Protein backbone atom coordinates (compact mmCIF):
# COMPACT_ATOMS: atom_id res chain seq x y z
CA MET A 1 105.59 68.08 106.86
CA ALA A 2 109.34 67.84 106.58
CA ALA A 3 111.33 71.06 106.46
CA VAL A 4 112.38 72.30 103.01
CA PHE A 5 115.95 73.45 103.13
CA ASN A 6 117.26 75.82 100.50
CA VAL A 7 120.61 76.93 99.26
CA ASP A 8 120.47 80.21 101.09
CA GLN A 9 120.36 78.60 104.52
CA LYS A 10 123.73 77.07 103.73
CA LEU A 11 125.07 80.26 102.11
CA GLU A 12 123.97 82.08 105.26
CA ALA A 13 126.20 79.84 107.40
CA LEU A 14 129.15 80.57 105.10
CA LYS A 15 128.41 84.28 105.02
CA MET A 16 128.28 84.71 108.79
CA GLU A 17 131.82 83.37 109.20
CA ILE A 18 133.36 85.89 106.78
CA VAL A 19 131.22 88.90 107.61
CA ARG A 20 133.93 90.58 109.72
CA THR A 21 136.35 90.51 106.79
CA PHE A 22 133.83 91.11 104.03
CA ASP A 23 131.20 93.45 105.43
CA GLU A 24 130.06 94.33 101.94
CA LEU A 25 128.64 90.80 101.46
CA TYR A 26 126.15 91.20 104.27
CA GLN A 27 123.41 93.18 102.55
CA TYR A 28 123.85 91.38 99.26
CA LEU A 29 123.42 87.87 100.69
CA SER A 30 120.45 88.97 102.81
CA ASP A 31 118.73 90.18 99.67
CA ARG A 32 119.53 86.95 97.85
CA ARG A 33 118.16 84.95 100.76
CA ASN A 34 114.81 86.73 100.72
CA CYS A 35 114.60 86.37 96.95
CA ILE A 36 115.27 82.63 96.97
CA LEU A 37 112.91 82.01 99.91
CA SER A 38 110.17 83.83 98.04
CA ARG A 39 110.72 81.72 94.96
CA LEU A 40 110.80 78.46 96.91
CA ALA A 41 107.59 79.46 98.68
CA LYS A 42 105.88 79.73 95.30
CA MET A 43 107.28 76.32 94.35
CA LYS A 44 105.86 74.85 97.52
CA GLU A 45 102.44 76.20 96.61
CA GLY A 46 102.72 74.46 93.26
CA HIS A 47 103.13 77.49 90.96
CA ASP A 48 105.38 76.87 87.94
CA LYS A 49 107.76 74.65 89.88
CA ASN A 50 110.07 73.89 86.99
CA VAL A 51 110.44 77.55 86.02
CA GLU A 52 110.97 78.58 89.62
CA LEU A 53 113.59 75.88 90.08
CA GLU A 54 115.56 77.07 87.08
CA GLU A 55 115.43 80.67 88.29
CA ALA A 56 116.48 79.68 91.83
CA ILE A 57 119.46 77.77 90.45
CA ASN A 58 120.44 80.82 88.42
CA GLN A 59 120.24 82.91 91.59
CA LEU A 60 122.60 80.42 93.28
CA ARG A 61 125.13 80.76 90.48
CA ILE A 62 124.85 84.57 90.58
CA SER A 63 125.34 84.55 94.36
CA LYS A 64 128.42 82.35 94.01
CA ASP A 65 129.90 84.59 91.34
CA GLN A 66 129.25 87.70 93.44
CA ILE A 67 130.99 86.15 96.45
CA LEU A 68 134.01 85.21 94.40
CA ALA A 69 134.14 88.61 92.73
CA THR A 70 134.11 90.38 96.10
CA MET A 71 136.72 88.10 97.61
CA THR A 72 138.97 88.53 94.55
CA ASN A 73 139.51 92.13 95.53
CA ASN A 74 140.74 91.13 98.98
CA LEU A 75 142.59 87.83 98.78
CA VAL A 76 145.52 86.24 96.98
CA GLY A 77 144.54 84.78 93.61
CA GLY A 78 146.07 81.36 94.18
CA LEU A 79 143.88 80.71 97.22
CA LEU A 80 140.79 81.82 95.34
CA ASP A 81 141.55 79.46 92.44
CA THR A 82 141.44 76.50 94.80
CA MET A 83 138.19 77.64 96.37
CA LYS A 84 136.59 78.51 93.02
CA GLN A 85 137.32 75.08 91.57
CA THR A 86 135.80 73.39 94.61
CA LEU A 87 132.71 75.59 94.56
CA ASP A 88 132.20 75.04 90.82
CA ARG A 89 132.48 71.27 91.14
CA ASN A 90 130.31 70.83 94.21
CA ILE A 91 127.55 73.27 93.30
CA GLU A 92 127.09 71.55 89.94
CA LEU A 93 127.08 68.09 91.56
CA ARG A 94 124.80 69.00 94.46
CA ILE A 95 122.61 71.65 92.89
CA ALA A 96 119.28 70.00 93.72
CA GLU A 97 117.81 66.86 95.22
CA LYS A 98 114.19 65.83 94.94
CA VAL A 99 112.39 65.02 98.15
CA LYS A 100 108.89 63.48 98.35
CA VAL A 101 106.60 64.92 100.98
CA ASP A 102 102.97 63.81 101.18
CA ASN A 103 103.19 62.53 97.60
CA LEU A 104 104.28 65.93 96.31
CA GLU A 105 107.70 66.72 94.94
CA PHE A 106 109.72 69.60 96.32
CA ILE A 107 113.27 70.69 95.77
CA GLU A 108 115.78 70.61 98.60
CA PHE A 109 118.84 72.71 97.80
CA ARG A 110 122.10 71.67 99.41
CA CYS A 111 125.01 74.08 99.32
CA TYR A 112 126.89 72.77 102.34
CA SER A 113 129.63 70.33 101.36
CA ASP A 114 132.22 68.57 103.46
CA LYS A 115 134.71 69.05 100.64
CA ILE A 116 134.06 72.79 100.49
CA GLY A 117 134.43 73.05 104.26
CA LYS A 118 137.68 71.09 104.23
CA THR A 119 139.17 73.19 101.42
CA ILE A 120 138.24 76.49 103.05
CA ALA A 121 139.59 75.37 106.43
CA GLU A 122 142.87 74.30 104.87
CA ILE A 123 143.45 77.67 103.18
CA ASP A 124 142.39 79.47 106.39
CA LEU A 125 140.02 81.93 104.70
CA PHE A 126 137.15 81.41 107.08
CA GLU A 127 135.66 78.59 109.08
CA ILE A 128 132.50 76.64 108.31
CA SER A 129 130.36 76.13 111.44
CA PRO A 130 128.91 72.64 111.16
CA GLU A 131 128.18 72.20 114.88
CA TYR A 132 124.39 72.23 114.40
CA VAL A 133 124.24 70.56 110.99
CA ARG A 134 122.66 67.08 111.06
CA ARG A 135 121.36 67.48 114.62
CA GLU A 136 117.75 67.45 113.40
CA ASN A 137 116.82 64.35 115.43
CA PRO A 138 117.32 63.98 119.20
CA ILE A 139 119.89 61.46 120.44
CA LEU A 140 117.86 61.07 123.62
CA LYS A 141 114.16 61.56 124.30
CA VAL A 142 112.48 60.76 127.62
CA CYS A 143 108.76 61.56 127.82
CA LYS A 144 106.83 60.73 130.98
CA ARG A 145 103.85 62.66 132.24
CA GLY A 146 102.79 62.22 135.83
CA ARG A 147 103.64 62.98 139.44
CA GLY A 148 106.11 60.19 140.16
CA ASN A 149 109.87 60.30 140.22
CA GLY A 150 111.19 61.15 136.77
CA GLU A 151 107.73 62.13 135.54
CA SER A 152 106.77 65.74 134.86
CA HIS A 153 103.87 67.99 133.94
CA SER A 154 104.41 71.17 131.87
CA PRO A 155 108.17 71.57 132.49
CA ARG A 156 109.59 75.07 132.12
CA GLY A 157 113.11 76.38 132.81
CA ILE A 158 116.21 74.19 133.03
CA ALA A 159 119.71 74.80 134.44
CA VAL A 160 122.91 72.77 134.71
CA ASP A 161 125.36 72.36 137.58
CA ARG A 162 128.68 72.57 135.70
CA ALA A 163 130.53 70.73 138.48
CA SER A 164 128.28 67.65 138.49
CA ASN A 165 126.63 68.08 135.03
CA GLU A 166 123.25 67.53 136.73
CA MET A 167 120.10 69.09 135.22
CA TYR A 168 117.69 71.07 137.43
CA ILE A 169 114.22 71.33 135.82
CA CYS A 170 111.20 73.41 136.83
CA ASP A 171 108.41 70.82 136.97
CA ASN A 172 105.74 73.51 136.79
CA GLY A 173 102.63 71.36 136.94
CA ASN A 174 103.93 69.42 139.94
CA SER A 175 105.17 72.47 141.89
CA ARG A 176 108.71 71.15 142.30
CA ILE A 177 112.26 71.07 141.00
CA GLN A 178 113.46 67.76 139.59
CA VAL A 179 117.13 66.86 139.22
CA LEU A 180 118.18 64.49 136.42
CA ASN A 181 121.49 63.41 134.97
CA THR A 182 122.31 64.11 131.31
CA GLU A 183 120.76 60.77 130.31
CA GLY A 184 117.42 61.81 131.77
CA LYS A 185 117.71 59.54 134.85
CA TYR A 186 115.89 60.80 137.95
CA LEU A 187 118.13 61.75 140.89
CA ARG A 188 116.00 63.74 143.35
CA SER A 189 113.34 66.46 143.67
CA PHE A 190 112.48 69.28 146.09
CA GLY A 191 110.51 72.47 146.62
CA THR A 192 106.87 71.29 146.82
CA ASP A 193 106.32 73.09 150.15
CA HIS A 194 107.60 76.42 148.83
CA LEU A 195 106.75 76.51 145.10
CA LYS A 196 103.50 76.63 143.17
CA GLU A 197 104.42 77.32 139.52
CA PRO A 198 108.22 77.32 139.16
CA TYR A 199 109.16 78.95 135.87
CA GLY A 200 112.80 80.11 135.55
CA ILE A 201 115.85 78.64 137.26
CA CYS A 202 119.57 79.38 137.60
CA LEU A 203 122.42 78.14 139.77
CA SER A 204 125.43 79.50 141.60
CA LYS A 205 128.19 77.22 142.85
CA GLU A 206 126.22 76.51 146.02
CA GLU A 207 122.61 77.62 145.50
CA VAL A 208 119.53 77.31 143.30
CA PHE A 209 117.39 80.34 142.43
CA VAL A 210 113.84 79.86 141.12
CA THR A 211 111.12 82.24 139.93
CA ASP A 212 107.53 81.30 140.87
CA ARG A 213 104.94 82.57 138.35
CA ALA A 214 101.91 81.98 140.58
CA LYS A 215 103.35 83.65 143.67
CA GLU A 216 105.38 86.29 141.73
CA SER A 217 108.35 85.50 143.94
CA LEU A 218 112.03 84.64 143.88
CA VAL A 219 113.04 81.57 145.91
CA LYS A 220 116.47 80.30 147.00
CA PHE A 221 117.43 76.69 147.80
CA SER A 222 120.69 74.88 148.39
CA LEU A 223 121.91 72.57 145.63
CA ALA A 224 120.71 69.67 147.76
CA GLY A 225 117.21 71.18 147.84
CA GLN A 226 117.02 72.79 151.28
CA PHE A 227 114.80 75.89 151.37
CA LEU A 228 116.79 79.00 152.29
CA LYS A 229 114.82 82.16 151.54
CA LYS A 230 112.01 83.75 149.50
CA THR A 231 111.27 87.33 148.45
CA GLY A 232 108.71 89.17 146.35
CA SER A 233 104.98 89.24 145.67
CA ARG A 234 102.66 90.68 143.03
CA GLY A 235 103.09 94.43 142.55
CA ASN A 236 104.97 97.16 140.69
CA THR A 237 107.25 98.52 143.40
CA GLU A 238 110.90 97.56 143.88
CA GLY A 239 111.31 93.91 144.79
CA ARG A 240 107.83 92.95 143.60
CA PHE A 241 106.84 91.45 140.23
CA THR A 242 104.18 91.24 137.55
CA SER A 243 104.71 88.20 135.29
CA ILE A 244 108.08 87.15 136.68
CA ALA A 245 110.03 85.09 134.13
CA GLY A 246 113.62 83.99 133.40
CA LEU A 247 116.66 84.85 135.49
CA CYS A 248 120.43 84.35 135.65
CA HIS A 249 123.24 84.47 138.22
CA GLU A 250 126.53 86.24 137.58
CA ALA A 251 129.24 87.50 139.96
CA GLY A 252 127.04 87.27 143.05
CA LEU A 253 124.06 89.06 141.46
CA ILE A 254 120.66 87.70 140.39
CA TYR A 255 119.11 89.32 137.28
CA VAL A 256 115.34 88.73 137.06
CA CYS A 257 112.96 89.45 134.15
CA ASP A 258 109.85 91.31 135.30
CA GLY A 259 107.80 90.75 132.14
CA CYS A 260 104.73 92.95 132.20
CA LEU A 261 106.59 95.86 133.80
CA ARG A 262 109.30 95.77 131.08
CA ARG A 263 112.15 95.83 133.55
CA ILE A 264 115.04 93.81 134.96
CA GLN A 265 115.41 93.69 138.73
CA ILE A 266 118.77 92.90 140.31
CA PHE A 267 119.25 91.21 143.71
CA ASP A 268 122.28 90.07 145.67
CA SER A 269 122.74 86.40 146.56
CA ASN A 270 120.79 86.92 149.80
CA LEU A 271 117.81 88.16 147.73
CA ASN A 272 118.19 91.78 148.80
CA PHE A 273 117.01 94.22 146.11
CA ILE A 274 119.90 96.21 144.56
CA LYS A 275 118.49 98.14 141.60
CA GLN A 276 116.47 97.87 138.40
CA PHE A 277 116.75 99.06 134.83
CA VAL A 278 114.18 99.69 132.10
CA HIS A 279 114.37 100.45 128.37
CA GLY A 280 111.44 101.69 126.29
CA GLU A 281 111.82 99.05 123.58
CA LEU A 282 112.29 96.14 126.01
CA ILE A 283 108.81 94.65 125.66
CA HIS A 284 107.93 91.62 127.77
CA PRO A 285 111.43 90.31 128.65
CA THR A 286 111.23 86.54 129.14
CA ASP A 287 114.80 85.33 129.64
CA ILE A 288 118.23 86.77 130.42
CA THR A 289 121.87 85.64 130.45
CA VAL A 290 125.34 87.15 130.79
CA PHE A 291 127.91 86.43 128.08
CA SER A 292 131.29 87.99 127.35
CA ASP A 293 130.78 90.65 130.04
CA ARG A 294 127.45 91.84 128.64
CA ILE A 295 123.84 91.21 129.64
CA TYR A 296 121.57 89.72 126.95
CA ILE A 297 117.78 89.82 127.27
CA LEU A 298 115.19 88.08 125.08
CA SER A 299 112.37 90.51 124.27
CA GLN A 300 109.43 88.30 123.37
CA SER A 301 107.11 90.84 121.81
CA ASN A 302 109.47 92.59 119.38
CA ASN A 303 111.54 89.67 118.09
CA SER A 304 114.88 90.95 119.38
CA ILE A 305 117.77 90.47 121.79
CA HIS A 306 118.67 93.51 123.92
CA CYS A 307 122.32 93.80 124.89
CA TYR A 308 123.35 95.85 127.95
CA ASN A 309 126.67 96.77 129.48
CA ARG A 310 127.41 95.72 133.06
CA ASP A 311 126.51 99.22 134.24
CA CYS A 312 123.00 98.53 132.82
CA THR A 313 123.33 101.02 129.95
CA LEU A 314 122.03 99.85 126.58
CA HIS A 315 124.78 98.62 124.24
CA ASN A 316 122.66 97.64 121.22
CA ILE A 317 119.47 95.90 120.09
CA ILE A 318 119.88 92.81 117.89
CA GLN A 319 116.89 92.32 115.60
CA LEU A 320 116.29 88.65 114.76
CA THR A 321 115.89 88.16 111.02
CA GLY A 322 115.62 85.35 108.48
CA GLN A 323 112.69 83.42 109.95
CA GLU A 324 109.68 82.55 107.86
CA GLN A 325 107.59 84.30 110.50
CA PRO A 326 108.49 86.46 113.52
CA MET A 327 108.69 84.69 116.87
CA ILE A 328 105.76 85.76 119.01
CA ALA A 329 106.13 83.00 121.60
CA ALA A 330 109.87 82.89 122.28
CA GLY A 331 110.40 81.94 125.91
CA PHE A 332 113.95 80.84 126.73
CA PHE A 333 117.39 81.07 125.15
CA THR A 334 121.06 80.30 125.66
CA ILE A 335 124.31 81.41 124.00
CA ASP A 336 127.01 79.07 122.70
CA LYS A 337 130.78 79.62 122.82
CA LYS A 338 130.77 81.48 119.49
CA GLY A 339 128.04 83.88 120.57
CA ASN A 340 125.22 82.25 118.58
CA PHE A 341 121.74 82.49 120.11
CA LEU A 342 119.70 79.28 120.60
CA ILE A 343 116.08 80.31 121.15
CA THR A 344 113.00 78.23 121.96
CA ASP A 345 110.21 79.25 119.58
CA ASN A 346 106.69 78.07 120.30
CA THR A 347 105.41 79.91 117.24
CA ALA A 348 106.71 77.05 115.09
CA ASN A 349 107.64 74.50 117.80
CA GLU A 350 111.37 74.57 117.05
CA ILE A 351 114.80 75.68 118.24
CA CYS A 352 116.01 78.66 116.21
CA ILE A 353 119.74 79.30 116.00
CA PHE A 354 120.84 82.85 115.17
CA SER A 355 124.27 84.33 114.55
CA PRO A 356 125.67 86.96 116.97
CA GLN A 357 124.34 89.55 114.50
CA GLY A 358 120.81 88.09 114.73
CA VAL A 359 120.56 86.29 111.36
CA MET A 360 118.96 82.85 111.20
CA LYS A 361 121.56 80.06 110.75
CA HIS A 362 119.79 76.81 111.50
CA ILE A 363 116.57 75.21 112.80
CA LEU A 364 116.23 72.12 114.98
CA GLY A 365 113.18 70.02 115.80
CA ARG A 366 110.81 71.83 113.45
CA GLY A 367 107.22 70.88 114.28
CA HIS A 368 108.28 68.23 116.80
CA LEU A 369 108.74 70.31 119.96
CA PRO A 370 105.28 71.44 121.11
CA TYR A 371 105.38 73.86 124.02
CA LEU A 372 109.13 74.05 124.00
CA CYS A 373 110.47 75.83 127.09
CA GLY A 374 113.83 75.48 128.82
CA ILE A 375 117.08 75.10 126.89
CA LEU A 376 120.80 74.87 127.73
CA LEU A 377 124.12 73.47 126.53
CA ASP A 378 125.67 70.82 128.79
CA ASN A 379 129.37 70.31 129.45
CA SER A 380 129.71 68.37 126.17
CA ASP A 381 127.89 71.08 124.16
CA ASN A 382 124.82 68.87 123.73
CA ILE A 383 121.59 70.84 123.49
CA ILE A 384 119.23 69.90 126.34
CA CYS A 385 115.63 71.09 126.17
CA VAL A 386 112.30 70.38 127.83
CA ASN A 387 108.85 70.68 126.29
CA GLY A 388 105.23 69.80 126.94
CA GLY A 389 105.52 67.08 124.33
CA MET A 390 102.84 65.35 122.32
CA GLU A 391 99.55 64.78 124.15
CA GLY A 392 100.77 66.90 127.05
CA LYS A 393 103.68 64.64 128.01
CA GLY A 394 106.66 66.25 129.67
CA CYS A 395 109.72 65.59 127.51
CA PHE A 396 113.44 65.79 128.25
CA GLN A 397 115.39 65.79 124.96
CA LYS A 398 119.04 65.92 123.97
CA TYR A 399 120.44 67.00 120.58
């Protein structure tokens, strides 16, 4: 069934760009979002659709008026007049559009407007973020299951060599690493003699680091695929793992998620254990990355991102909100240049995009990405992901 978009998803994108200047809008728009989602859910179930539509439209107008009223207290009137006229005109023109799904009629609200975005950008109030709008369908999809070159079975983590823009993929079911270009063309593979179930992967300028779920180990290769070193086994002492998962490389250190033991273990580039850190609310960490001098960890079981300082002290916990249902099968994530989180969610088979504050902004691939695993942004800011695909096929997709 096609996704039903509502006005609040678009208001949410607007709201997140002005939140630093207008903090008071945050709670108000969150409440409006939940209210409108609730009403649209009733519409989808077929209860008093016409009445619900009218009430939802009224909520849109109220939300618009509240935004303008708040901004009036902070900005020059002449700028607001221009924005108000544009909002009035476009909301009335684009208030609702009927969409047929399985012979039933639903209402798809559209608040985003190119004209609104252009006007707001020109008066420099805040910036619309359209980078993920209209990316619902992949621009490239390569699905081949098997053991041959370019074929895969249950792919997991994925990493990019920024110098060559080559993609390194954990071909879990075939116990190897495959290297593809950004068009999905096979280049080479390696690791079958040293890997059983490769799961997470990251790169330095000269080396490849891989976590092996079956052997509970951390393995190092050269970029060309030469085996260099391996460490770890199943256990709970330092340097050993229980449900090893995602990892990242930063400033000569390897940060590894040790899932069942709720900890992050840190190694140097020669795979020597350095230290570990644990936090009571960090439940089943599955992936980790470093961004803007802080360490971000995806906590699968409590729907949150944990942010740590470089000295491994907790900075804050970002609760992920705005989804129709909490993510209970989030596996991998990446962070874009603006600090938004792109998270693979196997609860709903989709890519969820959250603001730096943890509020849902956009959804990609809803229902079309079964067993979605690795995700990254390439040098052109295309989203690259791998998933089990329909009928168990291994899929390499670009958005």
